[in-house]
């Protein structure tokens, strides 16, 4: 699938969405479904920043009970249910275990009360979800013996059991964003990655488009639109300042970090452990803030570590000292892990809006509400909307609010939003297990074990596109080194999914590097496959390999 830059630079769109993270991609899909002509541009790759750097959790709102923030509980549950409905191949329920100690606020009684309240507040959480395996169970209390069977390493002094609740887990967050983009394209939107907005076009105090630079070939062009949606997340204020609309930053951000530990998790449940930091907003506090050890793709994700970020979002970096500080925090909460830098195969970090906070390392108060701003009201600039989501989980709802506002500004009728019910591209099937059996039946003989389930997860009903490529050349059905990822998946990423860089292929269209460095052989094979499709020279191929290797920063790796 090629970018149609000529379609972007001719004519006028109703809406230009700047930013191809989850919020921008969901907004483009929503707007196109509601009948608007839509352009979407992203300066890097889709889901190339904060949307990819997460703990892969779709929150159902239980943590907000301690804040007595009932609207946020309802919002989170509603949005999790929507993702389970529209992307059943990419989102599934996953159990989390919270150890209980004594019989006070940290005891099982308090957890049981929270689970009861949460069940009542989210009684509609499984509405419209046909697959029983995608329905979220009620939380329950488990015995001391049962939790020690699962996690024998737990501190046993005063342990009285545990609470177990279910949240959502994303199989692959960048592929979920790509599913939003692909759905927008099918609904008539025009989209391009690696296209950077270098300025907003203004006429008579009104924004009426943007100037764009193609970061692949250096070309420049202009996109005209009646309304512009600035959905660039932590870069939103930079765009406003660049355009002279805002003089300085106003929204504070937290740098949220998680690490990938390439150790078999040994369990199919996530574990919550308390740290030394408090949640300053908790009205019904169980004590200190939790970190989570989450099994994912055969490895362990640990997060989240938060710190106030005051720098330029374009310069976000995580130092080895910061990672070591987080490892120290983890080792304090779980001494048996004995983690070191050598155990870290990937560091994920993104910026999220927060409410307040002081120095790095202090308790952080997280932003409770996303931002949807009519810039005509606050800066006197008509034709511009800014939307910043504060959680991946709720980004679809933020996009809906932004499109509601865009419709009002365009003078259109209140066309209903259908993105809570309409399956994303590849998500139109009733039961996941049945889809896996279908893929296995259609796949050629001799594919590696587990391929059918992985193809069903990543591609849903569109797995046929990958199998079609497998049949074109026998070698494309072979795995890349010892990863289990098919060579056909890289070919598919370039031909059908707007992958133009090696990083696009290995970090965001396939599972190749989602758990860390797969090894030089796997990277080299992937680079050669992409080079054959995109016509890279030997020098270009080496440059692409250097860029990907730089994503794994520690010498010990």
Protein backbone atom coordinates (compact mmCIF):
# COMPACT_ATOMS: atom_id res chain seq x y z
CA UNK A 1 0.00 0.00 0.00
CA UNK A 2 1.57 3.26 -1.14
CA UNK A 3 0.93 6.73 0.22
CA UNK A 4 -1.21 8.82 -2.11
CA UNK A 5 0.44 12.20 -1.54
CA UNK A 6 -1.18 13.67 -4.63
CA UNK A 7 -4.61 13.02 -3.09
CA UNK A 8 -3.51 14.95 0.01
CA UNK A 9 -2.30 17.98 -1.91
CA UNK A 10 -5.29 18.41 -4.22
CA UNK A 11 -8.76 19.54 -3.26
CA UNK A 12 -9.97 20.50 0.21
CA UNK A 13 -10.82 18.17 3.09
CA UNK A 14 -13.44 18.68 5.75
CA UNK A 15 -10.93 17.57 8.38
CA UNK A 16 -7.16 17.24 8.57
CA UNK A 17 -5.99 15.09 11.49
CA UNK A 18 -2.39 15.73 12.51
CA UNK A 19 -0.95 12.84 14.50
CA UNK A 20 -1.19 9.10 13.86
CA UNK A 21 -1.21 7.76 17.40
CA UNK A 22 -4.27 6.01 18.77
CA UNK A 23 -6.24 9.23 19.30
CA UNK A 24 -5.59 10.61 15.81
CA UNK A 25 -6.17 7.26 14.12
CA UNK A 26 -9.46 6.74 15.99
CA UNK A 27 -10.54 10.29 15.11
CA UNK A 28 -9.83 9.74 11.40
CA UNK A 29 -11.88 6.54 11.44
CA UNK A 30 -14.75 8.14 13.35
CA UNK A 31 -14.85 11.21 11.07
CA UNK A 32 -14.75 9.13 7.89
CA UNK A 33 -17.56 6.93 9.19
CA UNK A 34 -19.64 10.02 9.84
CA UNK A 35 -19.32 11.15 6.24
CA UNK A 36 -16.50 13.72 6.43
CA UNK A 37 -13.69 13.88 3.92
CA UNK A 38 -10.60 13.18 6.02
CA UNK A 39 -6.83 13.47 5.70
CA UNK A 40 -4.49 11.97 8.32
CA UNK A 41 -0.75 12.67 8.48
CA UNK A 42 1.88 11.41 10.90
CA UNK A 43 5.45 12.71 10.96
CA UNK A 44 6.91 9.32 11.89
CA UNK A 45 5.15 6.00 11.66
CA UNK A 46 1.66 5.31 12.92
CA UNK A 47 1.85 4.48 16.64
CA UNK A 48 5.51 5.40 16.57
CA UNK A 49 5.62 7.24 19.91
CA UNK A 50 3.56 7.18 23.12
CA UNK A 51 0.84 4.88 21.76
CA UNK A 52 3.39 2.08 21.39
CA UNK A 53 5.19 2.63 24.69
CA UNK A 54 2.73 1.18 27.16
CA UNK A 55 2.18 -1.70 29.57
CA UNK A 56 -0.32 -3.12 27.04
CA UNK A 57 -3.17 -2.81 29.57
CA UNK A 58 -6.72 -1.68 28.73
CA UNK A 59 -7.88 -0.33 32.09
CA UNK A 60 -11.40 -1.06 33.29
CA UNK A 61 -11.44 1.64 35.95
CA UNK A 62 -11.06 -0.31 39.18
CA UNK A 63 -8.12 1.80 40.38
CA UNK A 64 -10.28 4.93 40.27
CA UNK A 65 -12.55 3.57 43.00
CA UNK A 66 -9.98 4.66 45.57
CA UNK A 67 -10.28 8.19 44.16
CA UNK A 68 -14.09 7.95 44.38
CA UNK A 69 -14.00 9.05 40.74
CA UNK A 70 -17.10 7.16 39.62
CA UNK A 71 -17.44 8.90 36.22
CA UNK A 72 -13.93 7.76 35.37
CA UNK A 73 -14.72 4.20 36.47
CA UNK A 74 -17.69 4.20 34.11
CA UNK A 75 -15.72 5.79 31.27
CA UNK A 76 -12.86 3.29 31.51
CA UNK A 77 -15.18 0.30 31.66
CA UNK A 78 -17.19 1.59 28.71
CA UNK A 79 -14.08 2.12 26.59
CA UNK A 80 -12.59 -1.25 27.49
CA UNK A 81 -15.87 -2.91 26.45
CA UNK A 82 -15.79 -1.03 23.15
CA UNK A 83 -12.28 -2.30 22.36
CA UNK A 84 -13.26 -5.86 23.28
CA UNK A 85 -16.16 -5.57 20.82
CA UNK A 86 -14.45 -3.89 17.90
CA UNK A 87 -11.00 -5.53 18.13
CA UNK A 88 -11.54 -8.99 19.66
CA UNK A 89 -8.35 -10.29 18.05
CA UNK A 90 -6.18 -7.60 19.63
CA UNK A 91 -7.77 -7.13 23.09
CA UNK A 92 -8.67 -9.84 25.58
CA UNK A 93 -9.42 -10.04 29.34
CA UNK A 94 -6.42 -10.75 31.56
CA UNK A 95 -6.27 -11.51 35.32
CA UNK A 96 -4.42 -9.29 37.81
CA UNK A 97 -3.62 -10.46 41.33
CA UNK A 98 -3.37 -8.02 44.26
CA UNK A 99 -1.94 -9.59 47.46
CA UNK A 100 -3.84 -8.85 50.67
CA UNK A 101 -2.21 -8.36 54.05
CA UNK A 102 -3.94 -8.29 57.43
CA UNK A 103 -7.58 -7.27 57.67
CA UNK A 104 -7.55 -3.47 57.27
CA UNK A 105 -7.48 -1.45 54.07
CA UNK A 106 -4.84 -3.83 52.70
CA UNK A 107 -6.87 -6.89 53.61
CA UNK A 108 -9.19 -9.12 51.55
CA UNK A 109 -12.32 -7.52 53.02
CA UNK A 110 -11.50 -4.13 51.50
CA UNK A 111 -10.75 -5.76 48.16
CA UNK A 112 -14.03 -7.70 48.26
CA UNK A 113 -15.93 -4.47 48.89
CA UNK A 114 -14.12 -2.80 45.99
CA UNK A 115 -14.93 -5.71 43.68
CA UNK A 116 -18.59 -5.56 44.65
CA UNK A 117 -18.79 -1.82 44.00
CA UNK A 118 -16.92 -2.21 40.72
CA UNK A 119 -19.25 -5.03 39.59
CA UNK A 120 -22.29 -2.84 40.25
CA UNK A 121 -20.80 0.20 38.49
CA UNK A 122 -19.76 -1.88 35.47
CA UNK A 123 -22.75 -4.22 35.26
CA UNK A 124 -22.98 -3.56 31.50
CA UNK A 125 -19.31 -4.30 30.83
CA UNK A 126 -20.03 -7.37 28.67
CA UNK A 127 -22.85 -5.90 26.63
CA UNK A 128 -22.60 -6.83 22.97
CA UNK A 129 -19.57 -9.12 23.40
CA UNK A 130 -20.55 -12.45 21.77
CA UNK A 131 -17.36 -14.39 22.55
CA UNK A 132 -17.44 -15.76 26.14
CA UNK A 133 -13.61 -15.64 26.17
CA UNK A 134 -13.77 -11.87 25.63
CA UNK A 135 -16.16 -11.20 28.52
CA UNK A 136 -14.77 -9.68 31.72
CA UNK A 137 -15.51 -11.75 34.87
CA UNK A 138 -16.25 -10.28 38.28
CA UNK A 139 -13.34 -9.84 40.65
CA UNK A 140 -12.98 -12.43 43.40
CA UNK A 141 -11.00 -13.18 46.54
CA UNK A 142 -8.57 -16.09 46.59
CA UNK A 143 -7.10 -17.85 49.60
CA UNK A 144 -3.64 -17.49 51.02
CA UNK A 145 -2.76 -21.01 49.88
CA UNK A 146 -3.97 -20.36 46.33
CA UNK A 147 -2.03 -17.13 45.89
CA UNK A 148 1.14 -18.77 47.26
CA UNK A 149 0.70 -21.61 44.77
CA UNK A 150 0.73 -19.00 42.01
CA UNK A 151 3.42 -16.75 43.50
CA UNK A 152 5.49 -18.66 46.10
CA UNK A 153 7.99 -15.81 46.23
CA UNK A 154 5.52 -13.42 47.91
CA UNK A 155 6.21 -11.97 51.34
CA UNK A 156 4.26 -14.35 53.60
CA UNK A 157 4.19 -12.35 56.81
CA UNK A 158 0.57 -11.24 57.43
CA UNK A 159 -0.47 -12.49 53.96
CA UNK A 160 -4.22 -13.22 54.16
CA UNK A 161 -5.02 -13.99 50.53
CA UNK A 162 -5.40 -11.89 47.42
CA UNK A 163 -7.89 -10.22 45.17
CA UNK A 164 -8.05 -11.16 41.50
CA UNK A 165 -9.70 -8.92 38.93
CA UNK A 166 -9.68 -8.83 35.14
CA UNK A 167 -8.55 -5.94 32.98
CA UNK A 168 -7.91 -5.93 29.26
CA UNK A 169 -4.59 -6.73 27.63
CA UNK A 170 -3.55 -5.66 24.14
CA UNK A 171 -1.84 -8.28 22.05
CA UNK A 172 -0.02 -5.60 20.05
CA UNK A 173 -0.79 -1.88 20.60
CA UNK A 174 0.75 -0.61 17.32
CA UNK A 175 -1.28 -3.11 15.33
CA UNK A 176 -4.41 -1.86 17.09
CA UNK A 177 -3.55 1.67 15.94
CA UNK A 178 -2.88 0.38 12.44
CA UNK A 179 -6.32 -1.28 12.49
CA UNK A 180 -7.86 2.14 13.20
CA UNK A 181 -5.87 3.63 10.30
CA UNK A 182 -6.78 0.81 7.91
CA UNK A 183 -10.43 1.14 8.91
CA UNK A 184 -10.28 4.88 8.22
CA UNK A 185 -8.82 4.19 4.78
CA UNK A 186 -11.60 1.75 3.99
CA UNK A 187 -14.13 4.40 5.05
CA UNK A 188 -12.66 6.84 2.53
CA UNK A 189 -9.94 8.69 4.46
CA UNK A 190 -6.54 9.49 2.93
CA UNK A 191 -3.54 8.85 5.20
CA UNK A 192 0.22 9.15 5.04
CA UNK A 193 2.97 8.39 7.53
CA UNK A 194 6.44 9.97 7.53
CA UNK A 195 4.85 13.31 6.63
CA UNK A 196 5.63 16.11 9.07
CA UNK A 197 3.44 19.17 9.49
CA UNK A 198 5.86 22.09 9.39
CA UNK A 199 3.28 24.82 9.85
CA UNK A 200 -0.40 25.66 9.94
CA UNK A 201 -1.86 27.65 7.06
CA UNK A 202 -3.84 30.64 8.38
CA UNK A 203 -5.98 33.09 6.50
CA UNK A 204 -7.77 35.90 8.27
CA UNK A 205 -7.35 34.44 11.75
CA UNK A 206 -8.56 31.02 10.67
CA UNK A 207 -6.59 27.81 10.25
CA UNK A 208 -7.35 26.34 6.86
CA UNK A 209 -4.75 23.65 6.40
CA UNK A 210 -1.11 22.79 6.93
CA UNK A 211 2.23 22.74 5.17
CA UNK A 212 3.79 19.29 5.11
CA UNK A 213 7.24 17.86 4.46
CA UNK A 214 7.68 14.31 3.23
CA UNK A 215 10.41 12.91 5.47
CA UNK A 216 11.14 10.09 3.04
CA UNK A 217 12.04 12.12 -0.05
CA UNK A 218 12.12 15.71 1.23
CA UNK A 219 9.22 16.96 -0.88
CA UNK A 220 6.89 19.66 0.46
CA UNK A 221 3.21 20.27 -0.16
CA UNK A 222 0.13 21.86 1.35
CA UNK A 223 -3.06 20.23 2.61
CA UNK A 224 -6.19 22.37 2.65
CA UNK A 225 -8.97 21.64 5.11
CA UNK A 226 -11.90 23.37 6.74
CA UNK A 227 -10.94 22.14 10.21
CA UNK A 228 -7.61 20.88 11.60
CA UNK A 229 -7.47 18.46 14.53
CA UNK A 230 -4.18 18.62 16.41
CA UNK A 231 -3.95 15.09 17.85
CA UNK A 232 -0.19 14.95 18.32
CA UNK A 233 -0.28 14.05 22.01
CA UNK A 234 2.72 15.41 23.91
CA UNK A 235 3.77 17.30 20.77
CA UNK A 236 0.47 19.19 20.54
CA UNK A 237 1.75 22.31 22.27
CA UNK A 238 4.92 22.28 20.17
CA UNK A 239 2.75 22.52 17.06
CA UNK A 240 0.77 25.40 18.58
CA UNK A 241 3.95 27.24 19.55
CA UNK A 242 5.50 26.60 16.13
CA UNK A 243 2.43 28.19 14.55
CA UNK A 244 2.58 31.18 16.90
CA UNK A 245 -0.75 30.27 18.48
CA UNK A 246 0.66 29.67 21.95
CA UNK A 247 3.70 31.38 23.45
CA UNK A 248 4.80 28.58 25.77
CA UNK A 249 3.88 25.17 27.18
CA UNK A 250 0.95 24.96 29.59
CA UNK A 251 0.23 21.23 29.97
CA UNK A 252 2.60 19.35 32.34
CA UNK A 253 3.61 15.81 31.40
CA UNK A 254 4.75 12.68 33.16
CA UNK A 255 7.37 10.41 31.63
CA UNK A 256 5.91 6.93 32.10
CA UNK A 257 8.38 4.08 31.74
CA UNK A 258 8.02 0.31 31.58
CA UNK A 259 10.71 -2.29 30.98
CA UNK A 260 10.72 -5.62 29.19
CA UNK A 261 12.44 -8.38 31.11
CA UNK A 262 13.28 -11.31 28.90
CA UNK A 263 12.54 -13.96 31.47
CA UNK A 264 9.75 -16.52 31.19
CA UNK A 265 6.99 -15.23 33.47
CA UNK A 266 6.16 -18.70 34.81
CA UNK A 267 2.52 -17.63 35.26
CA UNK A 268 -0.49 -16.51 33.26
CA UNK A 269 -1.49 -13.82 35.75
CA UNK A 270 -0.19 -10.31 36.39
CA UNK A 271 1.02 -9.45 39.90
CA UNK A 272 0.65 -6.11 41.70
CA UNK A 273 3.40 -5.12 44.12
CA UNK A 274 3.49 -2.03 46.32
CA UNK A 275 6.32 0.50 46.05
CA UNK A 276 7.45 3.30 48.33
CA UNK A 277 5.47 5.95 46.40
CA UNK A 278 1.99 7.13 47.29
CA UNK A 279 -0.97 8.11 45.17
CA UNK A 280 -1.69 11.65 46.40
CA UNK A 281 -5.21 11.58 44.94
CA UNK A 282 -6.41 8.40 46.67
CA UNK A 283 -9.22 9.08 49.13
CA UNK A 284 -9.54 5.41 50.10
CA UNK A 285 -5.91 4.39 50.00
CA UNK A 286 -4.59 0.85 50.46
CA UNK A 287 -1.14 2.28 51.04
CA UNK A 288 1.52 2.79 48.41
CA UNK A 289 1.31 2.86 44.64
CA UNK A 290 1.59 -0.44 42.78
CA UNK A 291 3.87 -1.64 40.06
CA UNK A 292 2.71 -4.55 37.91
CA UNK A 293 4.58 -7.60 36.66
CA UNK A 294 2.66 -8.56 33.53
CA UNK A 295 3.21 -11.70 31.40
CA UNK A 296 3.15 -10.88 27.69
CA UNK A 297 4.36 -12.85 24.67
CA UNK A 298 6.41 -15.21 26.85
CA UNK A 299 8.31 -12.43 28.63
CA UNK A 300 7.56 -10.05 31.51
CA UNK A 301 6.60 -6.38 31.34
CA UNK A 302 7.10 -4.32 34.49
CA UNK A 303 5.67 -0.85 34.99
CA UNK A 304 4.95 1.86 35.49
CA UNK A 305 7.65 4.26 36.70
CA UNK A 306 6.55 7.92 36.50
CA UNK A 307 8.54 11.13 36.71
CA UNK A 308 7.74 14.76 35.95
CA UNK A 309 9.04 15.71 32.49
CA UNK A 310 9.90 19.35 31.85
CA UNK A 311 11.93 19.09 28.68
CA UNK A 312 11.25 19.19 24.97
CA UNK A 313 9.07 16.18 24.05
CA UNK A 314 11.20 15.74 20.94
CA UNK A 315 14.19 15.09 23.20
CA UNK A 316 12.63 12.39 25.38
CA UNK A 317 15.33 9.92 26.34
CA UNK A 318 15.61 7.46 29.19
CA UNK A 319 19.09 7.19 30.66
CA UNK A 320 20.67 4.04 32.00
CA UNK A 321 20.66 5.68 35.43
CA UNK A 322 16.88 6.17 35.24
CA UNK A 323 16.38 2.55 34.27
CA UNK A 324 18.65 1.43 37.09
CA UNK A 325 16.64 3.56 39.51
CA UNK A 326 13.46 1.81 38.39
CA UNK A 327 15.14 -1.58 38.75
CA UNK A 328 16.12 -0.62 42.29
CA UNK A 329 12.46 0.20 42.99
CA UNK A 330 11.37 -3.16 41.55
CA UNK A 331 14.02 -5.06 43.51
CA UNK A 332 12.91 -3.34 46.69
CA UNK A 333 9.33 -4.46 46.07
CA UNK A 334 10.35 -7.93 44.84
CA UNK A 335 13.86 -8.78 46.13
CA UNK A 336 13.70 -12.30 44.71
CA UNK A 337 13.87 -10.92 41.15
CA UNK A 338 17.41 -9.54 41.58
CA UNK A 339 17.13 -7.56 38.36
CA UNK A 340 20.04 -5.82 36.70
CA UNK A 341 20.48 -3.81 33.51
CA UNK A 342 21.51 -7.03 31.76
CA UNK A 343 17.96 -8.37 32.24
CA UNK A 344 16.36 -5.45 30.37
CA UNK A 345 15.72 -6.22 26.71
CA UNK A 346 13.67 -3.10 25.91
CA UNK A 347 12.75 0.18 27.57
CA UNK A 348 9.41 1.79 26.76
CA UNK A 349 8.71 5.41 27.63
CA UNK A 350 6.02 7.89 26.67
CA UNK A 351 4.61 11.22 27.85
CA UNK A 352 1.15 11.62 29.37
CA UNK A 353 -0.56 14.77 30.70
CA UNK A 354 -0.66 15.05 34.49
CA UNK A 355 -2.44 17.18 37.06
CA UNK A 356 0.48 18.33 39.21
CA UNK A 357 3.82 17.28 40.58
CA UNK A 358 7.17 18.55 41.65
CA UNK A 359 10.54 16.87 41.46
CA UNK A 360 11.51 13.67 39.72
CA UNK A 361 11.01 10.78 42.11
CA UNK A 362 8.20 12.35 44.10
CA UNK A 363 4.62 11.13 44.14
CA UNK A 364 2.93 12.00 40.84
CA UNK A 365 -0.69 13.06 40.53
CA UNK A 366 -1.91 11.75 37.19
CA UNK A 367 -4.07 13.75 34.83
CA UNK A 368 -7.64 12.69 35.40
CA UNK A 369 -9.24 14.02 32.24
CA UNK A 370 -8.16 14.21 28.61
CA UNK A 371 -8.07 17.55 26.85
CA UNK A 372 -10.37 18.48 23.96
CA UNK A 373 -9.91 22.18 23.27
CA UNK A 374 -11.59 24.49 20.81
CA UNK A 375 -8.69 26.83 20.04
CA UNK A 376 -11.12 29.51 18.85
CA UNK A 377 -12.33 29.81 22.43
CA UNK A 378 -8.96 29.90 24.14
CA UNK A 379 -6.59 31.40 21.55
CA UNK A 380 -9.02 33.10 19.20
CA UNK A 381 -7.96 30.90 16.28
CA UNK A 382 -10.89 29.45 14.38
CA UNK A 383 -10.78 26.15 12.52
CA UNK A 384 -8.45 24.39 15.00
CA UNK A 385 -9.15 21.74 17.64
CA UNK A 386 -6.56 20.23 19.98
CA UNK A 387 -7.13 16.81 21.56
CA UNK A 388 -4.74 15.10 23.99
CA UNK A 389 -5.67 11.68 25.37
CA UNK A 390 -4.34 10.75 28.80
CA UNK A 391 -4.75 6.98 28.42
CA UNK A 392 -4.67 4.56 25.49
CA UNK A 393 -7.85 3.01 26.91
CA UNK A 394 -9.94 6.14 26.56
CA UNK A 395 -8.47 7.53 23.32
CA UNK A 396 -11.38 6.33 21.21
CA UNK A 397 -13.77 8.32 23.42
CA UNK A 398 -11.53 11.40 23.22
CA UNK A 399 -11.60 11.08 19.43
CA UNK A 400 -15.40 10.89 19.50
CA UNK A 401 -15.60 14.14 21.49
CA UNK A 402 -13.20 15.84 19.09
CA UNK A 403 -15.24 14.77 16.05
CA UNK A 404 -18.46 15.91 17.74
CA UNK A 405 -16.84 19.34 18.08
CA UNK A 406 -15.56 19.27 14.49
CA UNK A 407 -19.06 18.54 13.20
CA UNK A 408 -20.42 21.52 15.12
CA UNK A 409 -17.71 23.76 13.72
CA UNK A 410 -18.48 22.52 10.20
CA UNK A 411 -22.18 23.17 10.68
CA UNK A 412 -23.02 19.53 10.03
CA UNK A 413 -25.85 17.64 11.67
CA UNK A 414 -25.12 15.45 14.65
CA UNK A 415 -24.24 12.27 12.73
CA UNK A 416 -24.06 9.41 15.23
CA UNK A 417 -20.73 7.93 16.23
CA UNK A 418 -20.54 4.20 15.44
CA UNK A 419 -17.00 3.41 16.59
CA UNK A 420 -18.09 1.68 19.80
CA UNK A 421 -19.90 -1.01 17.82
CA UNK A 422 -18.39 -1.26 14.34
CA UNK A 423 -15.61 -3.87 14.15
CA UNK A 424 -12.21 -2.62 13.11
CA UNK A 425 -10.61 -3.96 9.98
CA UNK A 426 -10.02 -7.66 10.68
CA UNK A 427 -12.23 -7.73 13.77
CA UNK A 428 -15.46 -8.96 12.21
CA UNK A 429 -15.72 -12.50 13.64
CA UNK A 430 -17.79 -13.98 16.48
CA UNK A 431 -15.27 -16.18 18.34
CA UNK A 432 -11.50 -16.04 18.44
CA UNK A 433 -10.91 -19.77 18.91
CA UNK A 434 -12.97 -20.47 15.80
CA UNK A 435 -10.86 -17.95 13.88
CA UNK A 436 -7.65 -19.71 14.97
CA UNK A 437 -9.04 -23.02 13.71
CA UNK A 438 -9.95 -21.35 10.42
CA UNK A 439 -6.41 -19.98 10.00
CA UNK A 440 -4.89 -23.37 10.80
CA UNK A 441 -7.13 -25.04 8.21
CA UNK A 442 -6.25 -22.48 5.52
CA UNK A 443 -2.50 -22.29 6.21
CA UNK A 444 -0.07 -24.34 4.11
CA UNK A 445 1.44 -27.40 5.73
CA UNK A 446 4.77 -27.00 7.48
CA UNK A 447 4.34 -23.57 9.08
CA UNK A 448 5.95 -23.22 12.52
CA UNK A 449 3.89 -24.08 15.63
CA UNK A 450 1.79 -21.23 16.99
CA UNK A 451 1.69 -19.35 13.69
CA UNK A 452 -2.06 -19.78 13.25
CA UNK A 453 -2.86 -18.22 16.63
CA UNK A 454 -0.40 -15.37 16.11
CA UNK A 455 -1.72 -14.59 12.63
CA UNK A 456 -5.26 -14.60 14.02
CA UNK A 457 -4.21 -12.16 16.75
CA UNK A 458 -2.32 -9.71 14.57
CA UNK A 459 -4.44 -9.77 11.41
CA UNK A 460 -7.86 -11.06 12.45
CA UNK A 461 -9.89 -12.04 9.38
CA UNK A 462 -7.33 -10.38 7.10
CA UNK A 463 -4.83 -13.20 7.72
CA UNK A 464 -5.66 -14.29 4.15
CA UNK A 465 -3.52 -11.42 2.85
CA UNK A 466 -0.44 -12.91 4.55
CA UNK A 467 -1.21 -16.48 3.43
CA UNK A 468 -1.63 -15.23 -0.14
CA UNK A 469 1.97 -13.94 -0.01
CA UNK A 470 3.17 -17.21 1.55
CA UNK A 471 1.81 -19.06 -1.48
CA UNK A 472 3.51 -16.72 -3.96
CA UNK A 473 7.02 -17.86 -3.05
CA UNK A 474 7.78 -20.91 -0.89
CA UNK A 475 10.61 -19.20 0.95
CA UNK A 476 8.30 -16.49 2.25
CA UNK A 477 6.55 -19.08 4.41
CA UNK A 478 9.77 -19.72 6.31
CA UNK A 479 10.36 -18.12 9.72
CA UNK A 480 12.79 -15.26 10.16
CA UNK A 481 15.73 -16.92 11.95
CA UNK A 482 14.34 -18.59 15.09
CA UNK A 483 11.63 -16.01 15.79
CA UNK A 484 8.56 -17.77 14.37
CA UNK A 485 7.70 -14.58 12.44
CA UNK A 486 7.10 -15.41 8.78
CA UNK A 487 9.11 -13.68 6.08
CA UNK A 488 5.79 -13.05 4.35
CA UNK A 489 4.80 -10.73 7.21
CA UNK A 490 7.57 -8.28 6.34
CA UNK A 491 6.58 -8.42 2.68
CA UNK A 492 2.96 -7.87 3.68
CA UNK A 493 3.91 -4.91 5.89
CA UNK A 494 5.54 -3.16 2.92
CA UNK A 495 2.95 -4.06 0.30
CA UNK A 496 -0.23 -3.63 2.30
CA UNK A 497 0.51 -1.67 5.48
CA UNK A 498 2.52 1.46 4.60
CA UNK A 499 5.78 0.20 6.10
CA UNK A 500 8.59 2.28 4.57
CA UNK A 501 11.33 1.90 7.18
CA UNK A 502 12.82 -1.18 8.79
CA UNK A 503 11.58 0.07 12.16
CA UNK A 504 8.04 0.22 10.77
CA UNK A 505 8.30 -3.48 9.89
CA UNK A 506 9.97 -4.89 12.99
CA UNK A 507 8.53 -2.71 15.78
CA UNK A 508 5.00 -1.89 14.66
CA UNK A 509 3.71 -4.21 11.87
CA UNK A 510 5.16 -7.49 13.17
CA UNK A 511 6.05 -8.94 16.57
CA UNK A 512 9.71 -9.21 15.66
CA UNK A 513 11.14 -6.59 18.06
CA UNK A 514 8.26 -6.04 20.46
CA UNK A 515 10.07 -7.98 23.21
CA UNK A 516 13.58 -6.72 22.44
CA UNK A 517 16.42 -7.41 20.05
CA UNK A 518 15.73 -10.65 18.13
CA UNK A 519 19.36 -10.96 17.08
CA UNK A 520 21.41 -9.77 14.15
CA UNK A 521 20.41 -12.61 11.84
CA UNK A 522 16.70 -11.83 12.22
CA UNK A 523 17.27 -8.11 11.69
CA UNK A 524 19.44 -8.74 8.64
CA UNK A 525 16.89 -11.05 7.02
CA UNK A 526 14.11 -8.52 7.67
CA UNK A 527 16.20 -5.69 6.24
CA UNK A 528 16.98 -7.66 3.09
CA UNK A 529 13.30 -8.50 2.59
CA UNK A 530 12.27 -4.86 2.99
CA UNK A 531 15.12 -3.70 0.77
CA UNK A 532 13.97 -6.01 -2.02
CA UNK A 533 10.49 -4.48 -1.89
CA UNK A 534 11.50 -0.84 -1.42
CA UNK A 535 14.59 -0.76 -3.64
CA UNK A 536 17.09 0.25 -0.95
CA UNK A 537 20.76 0.40 -1.81
CA UNK A 538 23.27 -1.46 0.33
CA UNK A 539 24.07 1.81 2.11
CA UNK A 540 20.39 2.50 2.80
CA UNK A 541 19.94 -1.01 4.19
CA UNK A 542 22.85 -0.56 6.58
CA UNK A 543 21.45 2.80 7.71
CA UNK A 544 18.09 1.19 8.44
CA UNK A 545 19.80 -1.52 10.49
CA UNK A 546 21.73 1.08 12.50
CA UNK A 547 18.52 2.96 13.29
CA UNK A 548 16.83 -0.19 14.59
CA UNK A 549 19.84 -1.32 16.63
CA UNK A 550 19.96 2.10 18.29
CA UNK A 551 16.57 1.32 19.83
CA UNK A 552 18.34 -1.24 22.06
CA UNK A 553 20.58 1.18 23.93
CA UNK A 554 22.46 -0.77 26.59
CA UNK A 555 25.83 -2.31 25.78
CA UNK A 556 24.95 -5.38 27.82
CA UNK A 557 22.38 -6.32 25.22
